[in-house]
């Protein structure tokens, strides 16, 4: 009866632990068997190969010593001779294991404590694995939990089947939690660490707001309305861009809801964060104008290569467009992915006048013409001496007051000026020690060679060490701010595609890669994607 009770008790303990920790009962029984094996080795010798088996149905435990069948016994604790083994099992072969039944053993205090530690460790590992497997697939979801404790501003949340953390910087400003509070947050990362899986939650993540809208707006959940992008200044203001796949449904109205019920539900969860719902547009200009609401925009000028846009607003709209501490334009930049420069109509007029004066002065000096001719060329849209020199002469002669002879003379002077500048650059290039061989790279000009020489580049091998970003520059976006790092040839108007071709050509000439070898990622190494 005592044995039966012990067996029954063993299974009851395993069942209770499995239910409490939400793990498989077999894992608990296997942990118990490992613990018994460890305790048995402490009695029979650590070198002894012992196997413990527990029947999951009856709780019966078997303790066996495994002996390897060998030709010549060297270790009597773990090996058995073939002849002896065949006395027990006629089919025994070399390399087999013979199981020898061991009598039941009484656990001493030390052995029992050691066995307990093994069981606790195995169960804890199983619990961690279960928790990691459960939550690693839930990244990007919203979870609900109860505040378990607050440590140095970090909130530890009990999720029921796991424990998560909301770090202080992932909480909405001025948000305070205490023990027992209910909290809703976004799972943005799950990591397997030494101390167990770490589940990281956030209430400031842009996707937290997107998921809240998905829960509140059935059209988003059904896929009729799509959230294209989100930008947040947690606890203060946010912008969300939406588009409808059904022309009969207004995406902004659907997100606002009847009398604002849907958006107010989200605002309430985000501690009163003001939300601007923006209609998304495939046209970058239209989208950016919408994103700058409530400010009115007079004009926009796009630079698609640099992903920068210049927005001109009426003088009385400047402060509204920029927002308090630059909040409105910063959120609009995050939402659209474009760098936004805001000018008033007066500032734009002054800048254009300044550019007109500078171009006029350039033409007067380079072409040796009077002020009137310089201003006429500038007003006709010519921006550089190169453009004047190599444009079709008919475009110049068609200007009022100009004839073919005048156009020919102007172009001759422009070319002579460019030849003079080219000669000066070549002298400077030679003084810097830049080799002629660099000219063989398609797209490289003498002016570029001077700039490269000033950067310490003198040979093909030197130039081949560049990455495309080193030539054109790159941008890094962090915390809504974009930092621009200028490239060596940024002032020469070199595009990224041109830079990649130049680097590739240099590496081929330097023998770093063969002519047949396709372009590798090395040419663009160092490029940084905007976060």
Protein backbone atom coordinates (compact mmCIF):
# COMPACT_ATOMS: atom_id res chain seq x y z
CA UNK A 1 0.00 0.00 0.00
CA UNK A 2 2.85 2.33 0.78
CA UNK A 3 4.39 1.77 -2.66
CA UNK A 4 1.06 2.38 -4.41
CA UNK A 5 0.52 5.58 -2.44
CA UNK A 6 3.97 6.81 -3.41
CA UNK A 7 3.34 6.02 -7.07
CA UNK A 8 -0.01 7.79 -7.00
CA UNK A 9 1.48 10.77 -5.19
CA UNK A 10 4.27 11.02 -7.79
CA UNK A 11 1.77 11.23 -10.65
CA UNK A 12 -0.40 13.74 -8.75
CA UNK A 13 2.60 15.99 -8.15
CA UNK A 14 3.62 15.80 -11.82
CA UNK A 15 0.06 16.60 -12.90
CA UNK A 16 -0.24 19.54 -10.50
CA UNK A 17 3.09 21.07 -11.58
CA UNK A 18 2.24 20.64 -15.26
CA UNK A 19 -1.10 22.43 -14.80
CA UNK A 20 0.37 25.24 -12.70
CA UNK A 21 3.23 25.97 -15.11
CA UNK A 22 1.19 25.27 -18.27
CA UNK A 23 3.66 22.71 -19.56
CA UNK A 24 3.41 19.10 -20.73
CA UNK A 25 3.10 16.52 -17.95
CA UNK A 26 5.65 14.32 -19.76
CA UNK A 27 8.25 17.08 -19.32
CA UNK A 28 7.70 17.04 -15.55
CA UNK A 29 7.96 13.24 -15.39
CA UNK A 30 11.15 13.34 -17.49
CA UNK A 31 12.57 15.97 -15.09
CA UNK A 32 11.78 13.67 -12.14
CA UNK A 33 13.54 10.78 -13.90
CA UNK A 34 16.61 12.97 -14.47
CA UNK A 35 16.61 13.95 -10.81
CA UNK A 36 16.44 10.31 -9.70
CA UNK A 37 19.30 9.45 -12.07
CA UNK A 38 21.45 12.21 -10.58
CA UNK A 39 20.68 11.08 -7.05
CA UNK A 40 21.48 7.46 -7.97
CA UNK A 41 24.85 8.45 -9.46
CA UNK A 42 25.79 10.16 -6.21
CA UNK A 43 25.30 6.79 -4.51
CA UNK A 44 26.66 4.37 -7.12
CA UNK A 45 29.39 6.60 -8.54
CA UNK A 46 29.31 9.49 -11.02
CA UNK A 47 30.92 7.38 -13.72
CA UNK A 48 28.06 4.84 -13.55
CA UNK A 49 25.62 4.97 -16.49
CA UNK A 50 22.22 4.92 -14.77
CA UNK A 51 18.80 5.21 -16.36
CA UNK A 52 15.60 5.90 -14.44
CA UNK A 53 12.21 5.26 -16.05
CA UNK A 54 8.85 6.38 -14.63
CA UNK A 55 5.68 4.86 -16.08
CA UNK A 56 3.37 7.86 -16.79
CA UNK A 57 0.26 5.69 -16.26
CA UNK A 58 1.10 3.77 -13.09
CA UNK A 59 3.88 5.85 -11.57
CA UNK A 60 6.07 2.72 -11.30
CA UNK A 61 9.77 3.58 -11.27
CA UNK A 62 12.61 1.42 -12.63
CA UNK A 63 16.24 2.09 -11.85
CA UNK A 64 18.77 0.39 -14.14
CA UNK A 65 22.52 0.41 -14.64
CA UNK A 66 23.58 0.23 -18.30
CA UNK A 67 26.73 -1.78 -19.10
CA UNK A 68 28.39 -1.56 -22.51
CA UNK A 69 29.28 -4.89 -24.12
CA UNK A 70 33.03 -4.96 -24.95
CA UNK A 71 35.68 -7.55 -25.89
CA UNK A 72 37.94 -6.66 -22.99
CA UNK A 73 36.70 -4.95 -19.86
CA UNK A 74 38.69 -1.87 -18.78
CA UNK A 75 36.11 -0.21 -16.55
CA UNK A 76 34.02 -2.63 -14.50
CA UNK A 77 31.58 0.17 -13.54
CA UNK A 78 30.42 0.80 -17.10
CA UNK A 79 31.53 -2.21 -19.18
CA UNK A 80 30.77 -5.94 -19.36
CA UNK A 81 32.58 -8.69 -21.24
CA UNK A 82 30.87 -10.19 -24.30
CA UNK A 83 30.95 -13.71 -22.82
CA UNK A 84 29.32 -12.55 -19.56
CA UNK A 85 26.73 -10.49 -21.43
CA UNK A 86 25.72 -13.54 -23.53
CA UNK A 87 25.02 -15.48 -20.36
CA UNK A 88 22.31 -12.93 -19.65
CA UNK A 89 21.26 -12.30 -23.25
CA UNK A 90 22.35 -14.80 -25.94
CA UNK A 91 21.77 -12.17 -28.67
CA UNK A 92 24.14 -9.59 -27.16
CA UNK A 93 26.63 -8.02 -29.59
CA UNK A 94 29.66 -5.77 -29.15
CA UNK A 95 28.53 -2.18 -28.59
CA UNK A 96 25.15 -3.17 -27.13
CA UNK A 97 24.08 -2.15 -23.62
CA UNK A 98 22.96 -4.63 -20.98
CA UNK A 99 20.50 -3.27 -18.42
CA UNK A 100 21.05 -4.38 -14.84
CA UNK A 101 18.17 -3.84 -12.44
CA UNK A 102 19.08 -1.82 -9.31
CA UNK A 103 17.20 -2.07 -6.01
CA UNK A 104 14.97 0.84 -4.90
CA UNK A 105 16.97 3.41 -3.00
CA UNK A 106 16.21 5.71 -0.11
CA UNK A 107 17.02 9.34 -0.77
CA UNK A 108 19.07 11.05 1.87
CA UNK A 109 18.58 14.73 2.65
CA UNK A 110 21.39 15.88 0.36
CA UNK A 111 20.31 13.62 -2.50
CA UNK A 112 16.70 14.74 -2.14
CA UNK A 113 17.74 18.41 -2.20
CA UNK A 114 19.85 17.82 -5.28
CA UNK A 115 16.96 16.02 -6.98
CA UNK A 116 14.65 18.91 -6.15
CA UNK A 117 17.04 21.40 -7.77
CA UNK A 118 17.18 19.31 -10.94
CA UNK A 119 13.38 19.14 -11.15
CA UNK A 120 12.97 22.87 -10.52
CA UNK A 121 15.61 23.70 -13.15
CA UNK A 122 14.09 21.41 -15.79
CA UNK A 123 10.58 22.72 -15.13
CA UNK A 124 11.79 26.32 -15.30
CA UNK A 125 13.51 25.68 -18.65
CA UNK A 126 10.36 24.03 -20.01
CA UNK A 127 8.28 26.96 -18.79
CA UNK A 128 10.64 29.43 -20.50
CA UNK A 129 10.55 27.49 -23.76
CA UNK A 130 6.75 27.37 -23.63
CA UNK A 131 6.56 31.10 -22.93
CA UNK A 132 8.99 32.01 -25.74
CA UNK A 133 7.24 29.75 -28.28
CA UNK A 134 3.88 31.24 -27.32
CA UNK A 135 4.85 34.94 -27.56
CA UNK A 136 7.44 34.96 -30.37
CA UNK A 137 4.58 34.63 -32.85
CA UNK A 138 2.60 37.40 -31.17
CA UNK A 139 4.97 40.24 -32.05
CA UNK A 140 2.83 42.99 -33.53
CA UNK A 141 -0.23 42.18 -31.41
CA UNK A 142 -1.87 44.07 -28.56
CA UNK A 143 -2.00 42.23 -25.22
CA UNK A 144 -3.76 42.93 -21.94
CA UNK A 145 -2.22 42.38 -18.55
CA UNK A 146 -2.09 43.44 -14.91
CA UNK A 147 0.66 45.50 -13.35
CA UNK A 148 2.70 43.18 -11.15
CA UNK A 149 5.26 45.72 -9.91
CA UNK A 150 7.07 48.91 -10.91
CA UNK A 151 10.88 48.96 -10.83
CA UNK A 152 12.76 52.23 -11.46
CA UNK A 153 9.98 53.46 -13.71
CA UNK A 154 9.78 50.18 -15.67
CA UNK A 155 6.41 48.43 -15.44
CA UNK A 156 6.38 44.64 -15.03
CA UNK A 157 3.14 43.23 -16.46
CA UNK A 158 1.57 39.86 -15.66
CA UNK A 159 0.07 38.49 -18.87
CA UNK A 160 -1.37 35.41 -17.20
CA UNK A 161 0.86 32.92 -19.03
CA UNK A 162 3.96 35.07 -18.96
CA UNK A 163 5.59 38.20 -17.62
CA UNK A 164 6.44 41.23 -19.76
CA UNK A 165 8.08 44.59 -19.28
CA UNK A 166 7.19 48.10 -20.43
CA UNK A 167 10.37 50.12 -20.19
CA UNK A 168 10.16 53.68 -18.93
CA UNK A 169 10.81 55.16 -22.40
CA UNK A 170 8.01 53.01 -23.88
CA UNK A 171 5.40 54.54 -21.57
CA UNK A 172 3.34 57.58 -22.58
CA UNK A 173 4.69 60.67 -20.73
CA UNK A 174 2.95 61.49 -17.42
CA UNK A 175 1.52 57.97 -17.34
CA UNK A 176 1.67 56.31 -13.92
CA UNK A 177 0.83 52.74 -13.02
CA UNK A 178 0.56 51.00 -9.69
CA UNK A 179 0.12 47.40 -8.58
CA UNK A 180 -3.07 45.78 -9.88
CA UNK A 181 -3.79 48.29 -12.68
CA UNK A 182 -4.99 46.91 -15.99
CA UNK A 183 -2.74 47.81 -18.92
CA UNK A 184 -2.95 47.35 -22.68
CA UNK A 185 0.23 47.46 -24.77
CA UNK A 186 1.86 46.45 -28.06
CA UNK A 187 4.29 43.49 -28.26
CA UNK A 188 7.25 44.81 -30.25
CA UNK A 189 9.98 42.33 -29.34
CA UNK A 190 10.47 38.90 -27.76
CA UNK A 191 14.01 37.74 -27.02
CA UNK A 192 15.40 34.49 -25.66
CA UNK A 193 17.88 35.51 -22.96
CA UNK A 194 19.91 33.73 -20.29
CA UNK A 195 17.39 34.55 -17.58
CA UNK A 196 14.51 33.44 -19.75
CA UNK A 197 12.41 34.96 -22.54
CA UNK A 198 12.01 38.71 -22.32
CA UNK A 199 8.73 40.11 -23.67
CA UNK A 200 8.98 43.82 -24.43
CA UNK A 201 5.81 45.90 -24.60
CA UNK A 202 5.29 49.47 -25.78
CA UNK A 203 2.59 52.11 -25.52
CA UNK A 204 4.52 54.69 -27.57
CA UNK A 205 5.12 52.56 -30.68
CA UNK A 206 3.37 53.99 -33.79
CA UNK A 207 1.89 50.57 -34.53
CA UNK A 208 0.18 50.54 -31.11
CA UNK A 209 -2.10 53.31 -32.36
CA UNK A 210 -2.56 51.54 -35.72
CA UNK A 211 -3.66 48.35 -33.93
CA UNK A 212 -6.07 50.30 -31.72
CA UNK A 213 -7.71 51.73 -34.85
CA UNK A 214 -7.88 48.21 -36.29
CA UNK A 215 -9.80 47.12 -33.17
CA UNK A 216 -12.14 50.12 -33.26
CA UNK A 217 -12.78 50.41 -37.02
CA UNK A 218 -14.32 47.29 -38.63
CA UNK A 219 -13.45 48.55 -42.13
CA UNK A 220 -9.73 48.46 -41.26
CA UNK A 221 -10.06 44.97 -39.77
CA UNK A 222 -11.86 43.79 -42.93
CA UNK A 223 -9.18 45.32 -45.18
CA UNK A 224 -11.50 47.85 -46.84
CA UNK A 225 -9.48 50.69 -45.32
CA UNK A 226 -5.70 50.46 -45.11
CA UNK A 227 -3.43 52.33 -42.71
CA UNK A 228 -0.48 53.46 -44.87
CA UNK A 229 1.67 55.15 -42.23
CA UNK A 230 1.65 56.45 -38.68
CA UNK A 231 3.65 59.15 -36.91
CA UNK A 232 3.43 59.87 -33.19
CA UNK A 233 4.64 62.30 -30.60
CA UNK A 234 3.45 60.07 -27.71
CA UNK A 235 1.02 61.72 -25.32
CA UNK A 236 0.80 64.90 -27.40
CA UNK A 237 -0.09 64.54 -31.08
CA UNK A 238 -0.21 61.92 -33.83
CA UNK A 239 -0.93 61.68 -37.55
CA UNK A 240 -2.26 58.61 -39.33
CA UNK A 241 -2.60 58.23 -43.11
CA UNK A 242 -5.44 56.05 -44.42
CA UNK A 243 -6.78 55.03 -47.82
CA UNK A 244 -10.00 53.26 -48.83
CA UNK A 245 -10.13 50.42 -51.35
CA UNK A 246 -13.84 51.13 -51.81
CA UNK A 247 -14.57 54.53 -53.43
CA UNK A 248 -17.95 54.65 -51.68
CA UNK A 249 -16.36 54.64 -48.21
CA UNK A 250 -14.68 57.76 -46.85
CA UNK A 251 -11.57 56.51 -44.96
CA UNK A 252 -11.33 59.59 -42.74
CA UNK A 253 -15.02 59.53 -41.82
CA UNK A 254 -14.92 55.79 -41.08
CA UNK A 255 -11.99 56.27 -38.69
CA UNK A 256 -13.63 59.23 -36.96
CA UNK A 257 -16.93 57.38 -36.48
CA UNK A 258 -20.37 58.68 -35.56
CA UNK A 259 -19.84 61.89 -33.58
CA UNK A 260 -16.19 60.94 -33.22
CA UNK A 261 -16.92 57.77 -31.22
CA UNK A 262 -14.23 55.61 -32.87
CA UNK A 263 -11.37 58.09 -32.74
CA UNK A 264 -12.31 59.12 -29.19
CA UNK A 265 -11.98 55.51 -28.04
CA UNK A 266 -8.38 55.53 -29.34
CA UNK A 267 -7.69 58.98 -27.89
CA UNK A 268 -8.92 57.79 -24.49
CA UNK A 269 -6.55 54.81 -24.52
CA UNK A 270 -3.64 57.11 -25.50
CA UNK A 271 -4.19 59.52 -22.59
CA UNK A 272 -5.76 62.28 -24.67
CA UNK A 273 -3.27 62.24 -27.55
CA UNK A 274 -4.64 64.43 -30.37
CA UNK A 275 -4.92 62.50 -33.65
CA UNK A 276 -4.97 63.95 -37.18
CA UNK A 277 -6.44 61.48 -39.68
CA UNK A 278 -4.96 62.18 -43.12
CA UNK A 279 -6.22 60.84 -46.50
CA UNK A 280 -3.26 59.11 -48.19
CA UNK A 281 -2.44 59.99 -51.81
CA UNK A 282 -0.05 58.33 -54.30
CA UNK A 283 1.03 61.85 -55.28
CA UNK A 284 3.80 62.87 -52.89
CA UNK A 285 2.94 66.56 -53.24
CA UNK A 286 -0.77 66.04 -52.44
CA UNK A 287 0.03 63.70 -49.55
CA UNK A 288 2.47 66.17 -47.98
CA UNK A 289 -0.02 69.04 -48.36
CA UNK A 290 -2.60 66.86 -46.55
CA UNK A 291 -0.07 65.87 -43.89
CA UNK A 292 0.63 69.51 -43.01
CA UNK A 293 -3.00 70.12 -42.10
CA UNK A 294 -4.40 72.26 -40.58
CA UNK A 295 -1.93 74.66 -42.29
CA UNK A 296 -2.72 75.89 -45.82
CA UNK A 297 -0.04 75.39 -48.49
CA UNK A 298 0.48 77.82 -51.38
CA UNK A 299 3.07 75.88 -53.41
CA UNK A 300 5.35 72.83 -53.24
CA UNK A 301 8.62 72.04 -55.02
CA UNK A 302 9.81 68.41 -54.99
CA UNK A 303 13.33 67.04 -55.25
CA UNK A 304 12.59 63.35 -55.76
CA UNK A 305 16.24 62.21 -55.84
CA UNK A 306 16.94 63.67 -52.39
CA UNK A 307 13.39 62.93 -51.13
CA UNK A 308 13.17 66.54 -50.02
CA UNK A 309 10.24 68.89 -50.57
CA UNK A 310 10.05 72.64 -50.28
CA UNK A 311 6.69 73.91 -49.04
CA UNK A 312 5.68 77.54 -49.45
CA UNK A 313 2.96 78.81 -47.10
CA UNK A 314 1.33 82.21 -46.64
CA UNK A 315 3.11 84.39 -44.07
CA UNK A 316 0.29 84.04 -41.53
CA UNK A 317 0.34 80.21 -41.83
CA UNK A 318 4.04 79.67 -40.98
CA UNK A 319 3.64 79.07 -37.24
CA UNK A 320 0.66 76.76 -37.85
CA UNK A 321 2.59 74.72 -40.45
CA UNK A 322 5.62 74.35 -38.22
CA UNK A 323 3.60 73.71 -35.07
CA UNK A 324 4.63 74.07 -31.45
CA UNK A 325 8.35 73.25 -31.16
CA UNK A 326 8.24 72.06 -34.79
CA UNK A 327 5.81 69.27 -33.96
CA UNK A 328 3.51 69.57 -36.99
CA UNK A 329 6.23 69.57 -39.64
CA UNK A 330 8.19 66.86 -37.79
CA UNK A 331 5.18 64.52 -37.68
CA UNK A 332 4.38 65.27 -41.33
CA UNK A 333 7.98 64.39 -42.24
CA UNK A 334 7.76 61.09 -40.30
CA UNK A 335 4.40 60.28 -41.87
CA UNK A 336 5.47 60.90 -45.47
CA UNK A 337 9.15 59.89 -45.28
CA UNK A 338 10.17 63.16 -46.94
CA UNK A 339 12.35 65.94 -45.55
CA UNK A 340 10.21 69.07 -45.50
CA UNK A 341 11.52 72.62 -45.72
CA UNK A 342 8.94 75.30 -44.98
CA UNK A 343 9.23 78.82 -46.40
CA UNK A 344 6.89 81.79 -46.35
CA UNK A 345 5.94 83.41 -49.64
CA UNK A 346 8.13 86.38 -48.73
CA UNK A 347 11.15 84.17 -47.94
CA UNK A 348 10.73 82.31 -51.21
CA UNK A 349 10.50 85.56 -53.14
CA UNK A 350 13.66 86.87 -51.46
CA UNK A 351 15.52 83.64 -52.17
CA UNK A 352 14.54 83.59 -55.82
CA UNK A 353 15.62 87.22 -56.15
CA UNK A 354 18.96 86.34 -54.57
CA UNK A 355 19.44 83.39 -56.95
CA UNK A 356 18.56 85.65 -59.91
CA UNK A 357 21.15 88.22 -58.84
CA UNK A 358 23.82 85.52 -58.33
CA UNK A 359 23.19 83.96 -61.75
CA UNK A 360 23.20 87.35 -63.44
CA UNK A 361 26.54 88.19 -61.81
CA UNK A 362 27.95 84.79 -62.87
CA UNK A 363 27.00 85.39 -66.54
CA UNK A 364 28.36 88.95 -66.44
CA UNK A 365 31.74 87.75 -65.13
CA UNK A 366 32.06 84.53 -67.16
CA UNK A 367 30.78 85.89 -70.49
CA UNK A 368 32.09 89.44 -70.10
CA UNK A 369 28.69 90.96 -70.86
CA UNK A 370 26.81 93.89 -69.35
CA UNK A 371 24.22 93.63 -66.59
CA UNK A 372 21.25 93.68 -68.95
CA UNK A 373 22.46 90.63 -70.94
CA UNK A 374 23.28 88.74 -67.75
CA UNK A 375 19.80 89.43 -66.35
CA UNK A 376 18.11 88.42 -69.62
CA UNK A 377 19.92 85.04 -69.63
CA UNK A 378 19.03 84.47 -65.97
CA UNK A 379 15.39 85.41 -66.52
CA UNK A 380 15.18 83.00 -69.50
CA UNK A 381 15.94 80.11 -67.13
CA UNK A 382 19.64 79.50 -67.80
CA UNK A 383 21.26 78.31 -64.56
CA UNK A 384 24.89 77.63 -65.50
CA UNK A 385 27.62 78.59 -67.96
CA UNK A 386 27.70 74.97 -69.20
CA UNK A 387 24.03 75.24 -70.16
CA UNK A 388 24.68 78.44 -72.13
CA UNK A 389 27.74 76.95 -73.86
CA UNK A 390 26.18 73.73 -75.11
CA UNK A 391 22.48 74.54 -75.59
CA UNK A 392 21.18 74.76 -79.15
CA UNK A 393 22.11 78.23 -80.42
CA UNK A 394 18.55 78.73 -81.62
CA UNK A 395 17.33 78.93 -78.02
CA UNK A 396 19.59 81.92 -77.41
CA UNK A 397 18.98 83.65 -80.74
CA UNK A 398 15.21 83.38 -80.23
CA UNK A 399 15.42 85.64 -77.16
CA UNK A 400 14.08 89.15 -77.85
CA UNK A 401 16.95 91.49 -78.80
CA UNK A 402 19.36 88.63 -79.61
CA UNK A 403 20.32 87.47 -83.12
CA UNK A 404 22.39 84.54 -84.43
CA UNK A 405 25.66 86.50 -84.27
CA UNK A 406 25.00 87.48 -80.67
CA UNK A 407 24.12 83.88 -79.74
CA UNK A 408 27.30 82.58 -81.43
CA UNK A 409 29.47 85.15 -79.64
CA UNK A 410 27.90 84.37 -76.24
CA UNK A 411 28.43 80.62 -76.71
CA UNK A 412 32.03 81.15 -77.85
CA UNK A 413 32.77 83.18 -74.73
CA UNK A 414 31.05 80.54 -72.57
CA UNK A 415 33.20 77.76 -74.02
CA UNK A 416 36.39 79.79 -73.65
CA UNK A 417 35.49 80.41 -69.99
CA UNK A 418 34.89 76.70 -69.40
CA UNK A 419 38.22 75.83 -71.08
CA UNK A 420 39.98 78.31 -68.81
CA UNK A 421 38.35 76.81 -65.71
CA UNK A 422 39.21 73.30 -66.96
CA UNK A 423 42.89 74.28 -67.37
CA UNK A 424 42.96 75.73 -63.84
CA UNK A 425 41.42 72.54 -62.44
CA UNK A 426 43.93 70.41 -64.33
CA UNK A 427 46.86 72.37 -62.88
CA UNK A 428 45.44 72.00 -59.40
CA UNK A 429 44.81 68.28 -60.00
CA UNK A 430 48.45 67.76 -60.98
CA UNK A 431 49.66 69.72 -57.96
CA UNK A 432 47.59 67.41 -55.73
CA UNK A 433 49.21 64.34 -57.34
CA UNK A 434 45.99 62.85 -58.75
CA UNK A 435 46.90 60.39 -61.53
CA UNK A 436 45.64 60.76 -65.12
CA UNK A 437 44.31 57.20 -64.96
CA UNK A 438 41.31 58.39 -62.93
CA UNK A 439 39.98 60.07 -66.10
CA UNK A 440 39.31 56.59 -67.51
CA UNK A 441 36.45 56.11 -65.03
CA UNK A 442 33.25 57.10 -66.88
CA UNK A 443 31.67 60.23 -65.41
CA UNK A 444 34.78 61.58 -63.67
CA UNK A 445 35.53 65.22 -64.51
CA UNK A 446 38.65 67.27 -63.82
CA UNK A 447 36.77 69.26 -61.17
CA UNK A 448 35.84 65.99 -59.46
CA UNK A 449 39.48 64.89 -59.59
CA UNK A 450 40.47 68.06 -57.71
CA UNK A 451 37.83 67.33 -55.03
CA UNK A 452 38.99 63.70 -54.78
CA UNK A 453 42.62 64.83 -54.49
CA UNK A 454 41.68 67.13 -51.62
CA UNK A 455 40.12 64.06 -49.96
CA UNK A 456 43.39 62.14 -50.32
CA UNK A 457 42.40 60.03 -53.35
CA UNK A 458 45.11 59.89 -56.02
CA UNK A 459 44.91 56.49 -57.72
CA UNK A 460 42.38 54.03 -59.12
CA UNK A 461 42.96 51.81 -56.08
CA UNK A 462 42.18 54.72 -53.75
CA UNK A 463 38.93 55.47 -55.57
CA UNK A 464 37.94 51.77 -55.63
CA UNK A 465 37.91 51.83 -51.83
CA UNK A 466 34.93 54.20 -51.83
CA UNK A 467 31.34 53.08 -51.30
CA UNK A 468 28.51 54.82 -53.16
CA UNK A 469 27.46 56.57 -49.94
CA UNK A 470 30.96 58.04 -49.57
CA UNK A 471 30.45 59.84 -52.90
CA UNK A 472 26.80 60.92 -52.71
CA UNK A 473 26.26 61.12 -48.95
CA UNK A 474 23.59 59.43 -46.88
CA UNK A 475 20.80 60.12 -44.43
CA UNK A 476 19.97 58.64 -41.06
CA UNK A 477 16.55 59.07 -39.49
CA UNK A 478 16.34 58.75 -35.73
CA UNK A 479 13.57 59.85 -33.36
CA UNK A 480 11.85 61.64 -36.21
CA UNK A 481 14.92 63.73 -37.04
CA UNK A 482 16.88 63.24 -40.27
CA UNK A 483 20.61 63.85 -40.22
CA UNK A 484 22.32 64.34 -43.58
CA UNK A 485 25.95 63.29 -44.12
CA UNK A 486 27.35 64.92 -47.30
CA UNK A 487 29.37 62.84 -49.74
CA UNK A 488 32.74 63.73 -51.29
CA UNK A 489 31.13 64.51 -54.67
CA UNK A 490 27.84 65.88 -53.30
CA UNK A 491 28.52 69.33 -54.81
CA UNK A 492 29.06 67.85 -58.28
CA UNK A 493 25.51 66.55 -58.75
CA UNK A 494 26.49 62.85 -58.84
CA UNK A 495 23.47 60.55 -58.50
CA UNK A 496 23.56 57.26 -56.60
CA UNK A 497 23.34 55.24 -59.83
CA UNK A 498 26.29 57.19 -61.28
CA UNK A 499 28.29 56.70 -58.09
CA UNK A 500 27.70 52.94 -58.13
CA UNK A 501 28.80 52.75 -61.77
CA UNK A 502 31.96 54.74 -61.00
CA UNK A 503 32.91 52.56 -58.05
CA UNK A 504 32.23 49.38 -60.05
CA UNK A 505 34.34 50.62 -62.98
CA UNK A 506 37.21 51.53 -60.63
CA UNK A 507 37.16 48.10 -58.99
CA UNK A 508 37.26 46.40 -62.37
CA UNK A 509 40.23 48.55 -63.48
CA UNK A 510 41.97 47.90 -60.17
CA UNK A 511 41.49 44.15 -60.70
CA UNK A 512 39.42 43.74 -57.57
CA UNK A 513 36.62 42.08 -59.55
CA UNK A 514 36.58 40.51 -63.02
CA UNK A 515 34.73 41.94 -66.02
CA UNK A 516 32.26 39.02 -65.97
CA UNK A 517 31.57 39.29 -62.26
CA UNK A 518 28.19 40.90 -61.53
CA UNK A 519 27.96 44.02 -59.39
CA UNK A 520 28.29 43.11 -55.75
CA UNK A 521 26.78 44.69 -52.71
CA UNK A 522 30.22 46.11 -51.87
CA UNK A 523 29.60 49.01 -54.25
CA UNK A 524 26.78 50.18 -52.05
CA UNK A 525 28.23 49.08 -48.71
CA UNK A 526 27.55 51.52 -45.96
CA UNK A 527 24.17 52.67 -47.23
CA UNK A 528 21.83 53.48 -44.40
CA UNK A 529 18.08 53.04 -44.72
CA UNK A 530 16.00 55.70 -42.99
CA UNK A 531 14.40 54.32 -39.79
